[in-house]
PDB file of N, CA and C in Angstrom:
ATOM      1  N   MET A   1      -3.233 -14.160  -1.673  1.00  0.00           N
ATOM      2  CA  MET A   1      -2.542 -12.857  -1.990  1.00  0.00           C
ATOM      3  C   MET A   1      -1.373 -13.075  -2.075  1.00  0.00           C
ATOM      4  N   ASP A   2      -0.554 -12.373  -3.106  1.00  0.00           N
ATOM      5  CA  ASP A   2       0.750 -13.163  -3.247  1.00  0.00           C
ATOM      6  C   ASP A   2       1.490 -11.369  -3.913  1.00  0.00           C
ATOM      7  N   LEU A   3       2.988 -10.906  -3.070  1.00  0.00           N
ATOM      8  CA  LEU A   3       3.088  -9.780  -3.716  1.00  0.00           C
ATOM      9  C   LEU A   3       3.516  -9.413  -5.148  1.00  0.00           C
ATOM     10  N   LYS A   4       2.776 -10.345  -5.909  1.00  0.00           N
ATOM     11  CA  LYS A   4       2.737  -9.763  -7.662  1.00  0.00           C
ATOM     12  C   LYS A   4       1.472  -9.197  -7.824  1.00  0.00           C
ATOM     13  N   ARG A   5       0.598  -9.227  -6.460  1.00  0.00           N
ATOM     14  CA  ARG A   5      -1.084  -8.847  -7.507  1.00  0.00           C
ATOM     15  C   ARG A   5      -0.968  -7.289  -6.852  1.00  0.00           C
ATOM     16  N   ASN A   6      -1.984  -6.672  -7.806  1.00  0.00           N
ATOM     17  CA  ASN A   6      -2.149  -5.207  -8.112  1.00  0.00           C
ATOM     18  C   ASN A   6      -2.827  -4.846  -6.781  1.00  0.00           C
ATOM     19  N   ILE A   7      -2.246  -3.167  -6.720  1.00  0.00           N
ATOM     20  CA  ILE A   7      -2.676  -3.151  -5.133  1.00  0.00           C
ATOM     21  C   ILE A   7      -3.728  -2.127  -5.804  1.00  0.00           C
ATOM     22  N   LYS A   8      -3.795  -1.474  -7.025  1.00  0.00           N
ATOM     23  CA  LYS A   8      -4.781  -0.808  -7.255  1.00  0.00           C
ATOM     24  C   LYS A   8      -6.202  -2.061  -7.762  1.00  0.00           C
ATOM     25  N   LEU A   9      -6.158  -3.311  -8.371  1.00  0.00           N
ATOM     26  CA  LEU A   9      -7.319  -4.337  -8.079  1.00  0.00           C
ATOM     27  C   LEU A   9      -7.918  -5.012  -7.128  1.00  0.00           C
ATOM     28  N   TYR A  10      -6.800  -5.393  -6.157  1.00  0.00           N
ATOM     29  CA  TYR A  10      -6.666  -5.512  -4.789  1.00  0.00           C
ATOM     30  C   TYR A  10      -7.602  -4.046  -3.812  1.00  0.00           C
ATOM     31  N   TYR A  11      -7.525  -3.077  -4.070  1.00  0.00           N
ATOM     32  CA  TYR A  11      -7.926  -2.156  -3.229  1.00  0.00           C
ATOM     33  C   TYR A  11      -9.743  -1.887  -3.731  1.00  0.00           C
ATOM     34  N   LYS A  12      -9.891  -2.233  -5.372  1.00  0.00           N
ATOM     35  CA  LYS A  12     -11.084  -1.566  -5.933  1.00  0.00           C
ATOM     36  C   LYS A  12     -11.958  -3.026  -5.417  1.00  0.00           C
ATOM     37  N   LYS A  13     -11.476  -4.186  -5.385  1.00  0.00           N
ATOM     38  CA  LYS A  13     -12.292  -5.258  -4.874  1.00  0.00           C
ATOM     39  C   LYS A  13     -12.882  -5.461  -3.655  1.00  0.00           C
ATOM     40  N   ASN A  14     -12.002  -5.287  -2.788  1.00  0.00           N
ATOM     41  CA  ASN A  14     -12.038  -4.337  -1.563  1.00  0.00           C
ATOM     42  C   ASN A  14     -12.792  -3.715  -0.645  1.00  0.00           C
ATOM     43  N   TYR A  15     -12.629  -2.826  -1.095  1.00  0.00           N
ATOM     44  CA  TYR A  15     -13.621  -1.174  -1.115  1.00  0.00           C
ATOM     45  C   TYR A  15     -14.015  -0.780  -2.183  1.00  0.00           C
ATOM     46  N   PRO A  16     -15.049  -1.619  -2.481  1.00  0.00           N
ATOM     47  CA  PRO A  16     -15.416  -0.678  -3.613  1.00  0.00           C
ATOM     48  C   PRO A  16     -16.039   0.469  -3.568  1.00  0.00           C
ATOM     49  N   ASP A  17     -16.538   0.959  -2.414  1.00  0.00           N
ATOM     50  CA  ASP A  17     -17.270   2.145  -2.300  1.00  0.00           C
ATOM     51  C   ASP A  17     -16.287   3.291  -2.342  1.00  0.00           C
ATOM     52  N   ASP A  18     -15.124   3.044  -2.127  1.00  0.00           N
ATOM     53  CA  ASP A  18     -14.234   4.338  -1.898  1.00  0.00           C
ATOM     54  C   ASP A  18     -13.857   4.530  -3.227  1.00  0.00           C
ATOM     55  N   GLU A  19     -13.980   6.001  -4.257  1.00  0.00           N
ATOM     56  CA  GLU A  19     -13.583   6.570  -4.948  1.00  0.00           C
ATOM     57  C   GLU A  19     -11.890   6.071  -5.439  1.00  0.00           C
ATOM     58  N   LEU A  20     -11.378   6.735  -4.330  1.00  0.00           N
ATOM     59  CA  LEU A  20     -10.475   6.866  -4.506  1.00  0.00           C
ATOM     60  C   LEU A  20      -9.166   5.487  -4.915  1.00  0.00           C
ATOM     61  N   GLY A  21      -9.941   4.434  -5.341  1.00  0.00           N
ATOM     62  CA  GLY A  21      -9.393   3.663  -5.885  1.00  0.00           C
ATOM     63  C   GLY A  21      -9.360   3.323  -6.925  1.00  0.00           C
ATOM     64  N   ASN A  22     -10.031   4.423  -7.591  1.00  0.00           N
ATOM     65  CA  ASN A  22      -9.729   4.757  -9.307  1.00  0.00           C
ATOM     66  C   ASN A  22      -8.411   5.162  -9.342  1.00  0.00           C
ATOM     67  N   ASP A  23      -7.883   6.173  -8.652  1.00  0.00           N
ATOM     68  CA  ASP A  23      -7.021   7.039  -8.721  1.00  0.00           C
ATOM     69  C   ASP A  23      -5.194   6.225  -8.687  1.00  0.00           C
ATOM     70  N   ILE A  24      -5.621   5.347  -7.710  1.00  0.00           N
ATOM     71  CA  ILE A  24      -4.088   4.142  -7.250  1.00  0.00           C
ATOM     72  C   ILE A  24      -3.673   4.218  -8.174  1.00  0.00           C
ATOM     73  N   ARG A  25      -2.358   3.778  -8.626  1.00  0.00           N
ATOM     74  CA  ARG A  25      -1.229   3.198  -9.206  1.00  0.00           C
ATOM     75  C   ARG A  25      -1.223   2.205  -9.722  1.00  0.00           C
ATOM     76  N   ASP A  26      -1.246   1.725 -10.702  1.00  0.00           N
ATOM     77  CA  ASP A  26      -1.189  -0.233 -11.265  1.00  0.00           C
ATOM     78  C   ASP A  26      -0.036  -0.056 -11.004  1.00  0.00           C
ATOM     79  N   ILE A  27       0.562  -0.933  -9.604  1.00  0.00           N
ATOM     80  CA  ILE A  27       1.924  -1.277  -9.069  1.00  0.00           C
ATOM     81  C   ILE A  27       1.443  -2.740  -8.277  1.00  0.00           C
ATOM     82  N   THR A  28       2.168  -3.516  -7.979  1.00  0.00           N
ATOM     83  CA  THR A  28       2.263  -4.566  -7.165  1.00  0.00           C
ATOM     84  C   THR A  28       3.029  -4.469  -5.994  1.00  0.00           C
ATOM     85  N   PHE A  29       2.545  -5.278  -5.444  1.00  0.00           N
ATOM     86  CA  PHE A  29       2.441  -5.362  -3.379  1.00  0.00           C
ATOM     87  C   PHE A  29       4.171  -5.266  -3.185  1.00  0.00           C
ATOM     88  N   LEU A  30       4.788  -5.963  -4.521  1.00  0.00           N
ATOM     89  CA  LEU A  30       6.269  -5.964  -4.300  1.00  0.00           C
ATOM     90  C   LEU A  30       7.161  -4.460  -4.561  1.00  0.00           C
ATOM     91  N   GLU A  31       6.474  -3.803  -5.586  1.00  0.00           N
ATOM     92  CA  GLU A  31       6.654  -2.497  -6.014  1.00  0.00           C
ATOM     93  C   GLU A  31       6.465  -1.638  -4.814  1.00  0.00           C
ATOM     94  N   LEU A  32       5.189  -1.470  -3.976  1.00  0.00           N
ATOM     95  CA  LEU A  32       5.088  -0.887  -3.268  1.00  0.00           C
ATOM     96  C   LEU A  32       6.228  -0.748  -1.893  1.00  0.00           C
ATOM     97  N   PHE A  33       6.111  -2.168  -2.067  1.00  0.00           N
ATOM     98  CA  PHE A  33       7.327  -2.578  -0.472  1.00  0.00           C
ATOM     99  C   PHE A  33       8.765  -1.940  -1.022  1.00  0.00           C
ATOM    100  N   LYS A  34       9.421  -2.181  -1.981  1.00  0.00           N
ATOM    101  CA  LYS A  34      10.553  -1.710  -2.428  1.00  0.00           C
ATOM    102  C   LYS A  34      10.901  -0.178  -2.045  1.00  0.00           C
ATOM    103  N   ASN A  35       9.193   0.647  -2.696  1.00  0.00           N
ATOM    104  CA  ASN A  35       9.709   1.801  -2.335  1.00  0.00           C
ATOM    105  C   ASN A  35       9.375   2.206  -1.090  1.00  0.00           C
ATOM    106  N   LEU A  36       8.484   1.389  -0.146  1.00  0.00           N
ATOM    107  CA  LEU A  36       8.145   2.029   1.214  1.00  0.00           C
ATOM    108  C   LEU A  36      10.402   1.409   1.890  1.00  0.00           C
ATOM    109  N   ASP A  37      10.645   0.798   1.621  1.00  0.00           N
ATOM    110  CA  ASP A  37      11.703   0.282   1.442  1.00  0.00           C
ATOM    111  C   ASP A  37      13.187   1.156   1.637  1.00  0.00           C
ATOM    112  N   ARG A  38      12.729   1.879   0.399  1.00  0.00           N
ATOM    113  CA  ARG A  38      13.914   2.840   0.205  1.00  0.00           C
ATOM    114  C   ARG A  38      13.393   4.132   0.289  1.00  0.00           C
ATOM    115  N   GLY A  39      12.518   4.447   1.259  1.00  0.00           N
ATOM    116  CA  GLY A  39      12.062   6.115   1.777  1.00  0.00           C
ATOM    117  C   GLY A  39      11.767   7.153   0.816  1.00  0.00           C
ATOM    118  N   ILE A  40      11.165   5.961  -0.343  1.00  0.00           N
ATOM    119  CA  ILE A  40      10.428   7.067  -1.889  1.00  0.00           C
ATOM    120  C   ILE A  40       8.535   7.414  -1.166  1.00  0.00           C
ATOM    121  N   ASN A  41       8.338   8.383  -1.184  1.00  0.00           N
ATOM    122  CA  ASN A  41       7.484   9.016  -1.176  1.00  0.00           C
ATOM    123  C   ASN A  41       5.868   8.206  -1.366  1.00  0.00           C
ATOM    124  N   ILE A  42       4.973   7.295  -0.412  1.00  0.00           N
ATOM    125  CA  ILE A  42       4.821   6.460  -0.544  1.00  0.00           C
ATOM    126  C   ILE A  42       3.098   6.845  -1.355  1.00  0.00           C
ATOM    127  N   TYR A  43       3.108   8.518  -0.667  1.00  0.00           N
ATOM    128  CA  TYR A  43       1.742   8.889  -1.535  1.00  0.00           C
ATOM    129  C   TYR A  43       2.106   9.057  -2.774  1.00  0.00           C
ATOM    130  N   GLU A  44       2.866   9.661  -3.075  1.00  0.00           N
ATOM    131  CA  GLU A  44       3.399   9.690  -4.675  1.00  0.00           C
ATOM    132  C   GLU A  44       3.750   7.950  -5.179  1.00  0.00           C
ATOM    133  N   THR A  45       4.128   7.084  -4.768  1.00  0.00           N
ATOM    134  CA  THR A  45       3.947   5.316  -4.873  1.00  0.00           C
ATOM    135  C   THR A  45       2.139   5.491  -5.299  1.00  0.00           C
ATOM    136  N   ILE A  46       1.533   5.472  -4.454  1.00  0.00           N
ATOM    137  CA  ILE A  46       0.449   4.941  -4.512  1.00  0.00           C
ATOM    138  C   ILE A  46      -0.555   5.929  -5.434  1.00  0.00           C
ATOM    139  N   ASN A  47      -0.043   7.490  -5.774  1.00  0.00           N
ATOM    140  CA  ASN A  47      -0.762   8.507  -6.241  1.00  0.00           C
ATOM    141  C   ASN A  47      -2.024   8.558  -5.901  1.00  0.00           C
ATOM    142  N   VAL A  48      -2.038   8.513  -4.371  1.00  0.00           N
ATOM    143  CA  VAL A  48      -3.187   9.028  -3.531  1.00  0.00           C
ATOM    144  C   VAL A  48      -2.965   9.345  -2.561  1.00  0.00           C
ATOM    145  N   ASN A  49      -3.053  10.762  -2.044  1.00  0.00           N
ATOM    146  CA  ASN A  49      -2.926  11.496  -0.718  1.00  0.00           C
ATOM    147  C   ASN A  49      -3.904  11.132   0.356  1.00  0.00           C
ATOM    148  N   ASP A  50      -3.924  10.248   0.676  1.00  0.00           N
ATOM    149  CA  ASP A  50      -5.208   9.914   1.979  1.00  0.00           C
ATOM    150  C   ASP A  50      -4.704   8.664   2.656  1.00  0.00           C
ATOM    151  N   SER A  51      -4.876   9.189   4.080  1.00  0.00           N
ATOM    152  CA  SER A  51      -4.360   8.344   4.991  1.00  0.00           C
ATOM    153  C   SER A  51      -4.931   7.136   5.299  1.00  0.00           C
ATOM    154  N   ILE A  52      -5.767   6.811   4.792  1.00  0.00           N
ATOM    155  CA  ILE A  52      -7.187   5.674   5.129  1.00  0.00           C
ATOM    156  C   ILE A  52      -6.806   4.436   4.225  1.00  0.00           C
ATOM    157  N   VAL A  53      -6.588   5.689   2.934  1.00  0.00           N
ATOM    158  CA  VAL A  53      -6.008   4.463   1.615  1.00  0.00           C
ATOM    159  C   VAL A  53      -4.140   3.831   1.674  1.00  0.00           C
ATOM    160  N   ARG A  54      -3.954   4.534   2.651  1.00  0.00           N
ATOM    161  CA  ARG A  54      -2.325   4.300   2.723  1.00  0.00           C
ATOM    162  C   ARG A  54      -2.452   3.059   3.703  1.00  0.00           C
ATOM    163  N   GLU A  55      -2.991   3.335   5.168  1.00  0.00           N
ATOM    164  CA  GLU A  55      -3.427   2.419   6.201  1.00  0.00           C
ATOM    165  C   GLU A  55      -3.799   0.832   5.461  1.00  0.00           C
ATOM    166  N   ARG A  56      -4.884   1.119   4.584  1.00  0.00           N
ATOM    167  CA  ARG A  56      -5.671  -0.272   4.143  1.00  0.00           C
ATOM    168  C   ARG A  56      -4.040  -0.855   3.154  1.00  0.00           C
ATOM    169  N   LEU A  57      -3.732  -0.145   2.455  1.00  0.00           N
ATOM    170  CA  LEU A  57      -2.687  -1.145   1.938  1.00  0.00           C
ATOM    171  C   LEU A  57      -1.529  -1.193   2.995  1.00  0.00           C
ATOM    172  N   PHE A  58      -1.228  -0.829   3.771  1.00  0.00           N
ATOM    173  CA  PHE A  58      -0.162  -1.275   4.618  1.00  0.00           C
ATOM    174  C   PHE A  58      -0.609  -2.137   5.536  1.00  0.00           C
ATOM    175  N   GLN A  59      -1.923  -2.074   5.713  1.00  0.00           N
ATOM    176  CA  GLN A  59      -2.325  -3.148   6.381  1.00  0.00           C
ATOM    177  C   GLN A  59      -2.430  -4.594   5.452  1.00  0.00           C
ATOM    178  N   ALA A  60      -2.893  -4.655   4.363  1.00  0.00           N
ATOM    179  CA  ALA A  60      -2.432  -5.724   3.286  1.00  0.00           C
ATOM    180  C   ALA A  60      -1.225  -6.080   3.259  1.00  0.00           C
ATOM    181  N   LEU A  61      -0.135  -5.110   2.886  1.00  0.00           N
ATOM    182  CA  LEU A  61       1.284  -5.549   2.933  1.00  0.00           C
ATOM    183  C   LEU A  61       1.695  -6.448   4.361  1.00  0.00           C
ATOM    184  N   ALA A  62       1.066  -6.092   5.268  1.00  0.00           N
ATOM    185  CA  ALA A  62       1.964  -6.675   6.665  1.00  0.00           C
ATOM    186  C   ALA A  62       0.909  -8.420   6.889  1.00  0.00           C
ATOM    187  N   ASP A  63      -0.468  -8.525   6.044  1.00  0.00           N
ATOM    188  CA  ASP A  63      -0.713  -9.510   5.541  1.00  0.00           C
ATOM    189  C   ASP A  63       0.365 -10.224   5.166  1.00  0.00           C
ATOM    190  N   LEU A  64       0.475  -9.651   3.837  1.00  0.00           N
ATOM    191  CA  LEU A  64       1.178 -10.461   3.073  1.00  0.00           C
ATOM    192  C   LEU A  64       2.924 -11.178   3.524  1.00  0.00           C
ATOM    193  N   PHE A  65       2.745 -10.028   4.200  1.00  0.00           N
ATOM    194  CA  PHE A  65       4.485 -10.869   5.304  1.00  0.00           C
ATOM    195  C   PHE A  65       4.424 -11.520   6.525  1.00  0.00           C
ATOM    196  N   ASP A  66       2.728 -11.575   6.662  1.00  0.00           N
ATOM    197  CA  ASP A  66       2.233 -12.338   8.011  1.00  0.00           C
ATOM    198  C   ASP A  66       3.230 -11.597   9.233  1.00  0.00           C
ATOM    199  N   SER A  67       2.558 -10.199   9.409  1.00  0.00           N
ATOM    200  CA  SER A  67       3.536  -9.390  10.273  1.00  0.00           C
ATOM    201  C   SER A  67       2.369  -8.569  10.984  1.00  0.00           C
ATOM    202  N   ASP A  68       2.954  -8.036  11.876  1.00  0.00           N
ATOM    203  CA  ASP A  68       1.448  -6.502  11.943  1.00  0.00           C
ATOM    204  C   ASP A  68       1.522  -5.350  11.279  1.00  0.00           C
ATOM    205  N   TYR A  69       0.436  -4.638  11.210  1.00  0.00           N
ATOM    206  CA  TYR A  69       0.620  -3.417  10.884  1.00  0.00           C
ATOM    207  C   TYR A  69       1.847  -2.369  11.122  1.00  0.00           C
ATOM    208  N   ASN A  70       2.024  -2.629  12.745  1.00  0.00           N
ATOM    209  CA  ASN A  70       2.790  -1.545  13.060  1.00  0.00           C
ATOM    210  C   ASN A  70       4.875  -1.825  12.335  1.00  0.00           C
ATOM    211  N   TYR A  71       4.859  -3.131  11.771  1.00  0.00           N
ATOM    212  CA  TYR A  71       5.979  -3.271  11.213  1.00  0.00           C
ATOM    213  C   TYR A  71       5.938  -2.305  10.071  1.00  0.00           C
ATOM    214  N   ILE A  72       5.111  -2.804   9.318  1.00  0.00           N
ATOM    215  CA  ILE A  72       5.056  -1.892   7.755  1.00  0.00           C
ATOM    216  C   ILE A  72       5.195  -0.130   8.513  1.00  0.00           C
ATOM    217  N   TYR A  73       3.915   0.141   9.259  1.00  0.00           N
ATOM    218  CA  TYR A  73       3.906   1.331   9.651  1.00  0.00           C
ATOM    219  C   TYR A  73       5.340   2.312   9.998  1.00  0.00           C
ATOM    220  N   ASN A  74       5.651   1.245  11.288  1.00  0.00           N
ATOM    221  CA  ASN A  74       6.824   1.966  11.629  1.00  0.00           C
ATOM    222  C   ASN A  74       8.448   2.047  10.329  1.00  0.00           C
ATOM    223  N   LYS A  75       8.233   0.977   9.457  1.00  0.00           N
ATOM    224  CA  LYS A  75       9.310   1.346   8.541  1.00  0.00           C
ATOM    225  C   LYS A  75       9.124   2.219   7.521  1.00  0.00           C
ATOM    226  N   TRP A  76       7.984   2.412   7.190  1.00  0.00           N
ATOM    227  CA  TRP A  76       7.238   3.886   6.922  1.00  0.00           C
ATOM    228  C   TRP A  76       8.275   5.044   7.841  1.00  0.00           C
ATOM    229  N   LEU A  77       7.876   4.903   8.717  1.00  0.00           N
ATOM    230  CA  LEU A  77       8.065   6.146   9.476  1.00  0.00           C
ATOM    231  C   LEU A  77       9.570   6.458   9.497  1.00  0.00           C
ATOM    232  N   LYS A  78      10.376   5.256   9.390  1.00  0.00           N
ATOM    233  CA  LYS A  78      11.851   5.445   9.595  1.00  0.00           C
ATOM    234  C   LYS A  78      12.258   5.834   8.578  1.00  0.00           C
ATOM    235  N   ASN A  79      11.861   5.813   7.107  1.00  0.00           N
ATOM    236  CA  ASN A  79      12.147   6.277   5.962  1.00  0.00           C
ATOM    237  C   ASN A  79      11.378   7.473   5.418  1.00  0.00           C
ATOM    238  N   ASN A  80      10.567   7.785   6.472  1.00  0.00           N
ATOM    239  CA  ASN A  80      10.370   8.946   5.154  1.00  0.00           C
ATOM    240  C   ASN A  80      11.095  10.174   5.927  1.00  0.00           C
TER     241      ASN A  80
END
């Protein structure tokens, strides 16, 4: 998986039973990270206001950076 991967396609493949995957915006993990880094509202970025979806995407982002979930989560808390 790489930063250019579409988060919606990733989510729907990995969580096919979660209907909220259909509502996720067509953006890449890089765009997600940039918005996270800039303090842009993540729920608006992904177009889903659900903490489980956010957590799953943050975990995938952490995996891409070979870091743990807390790194991404704390970046979100700091910039939120």
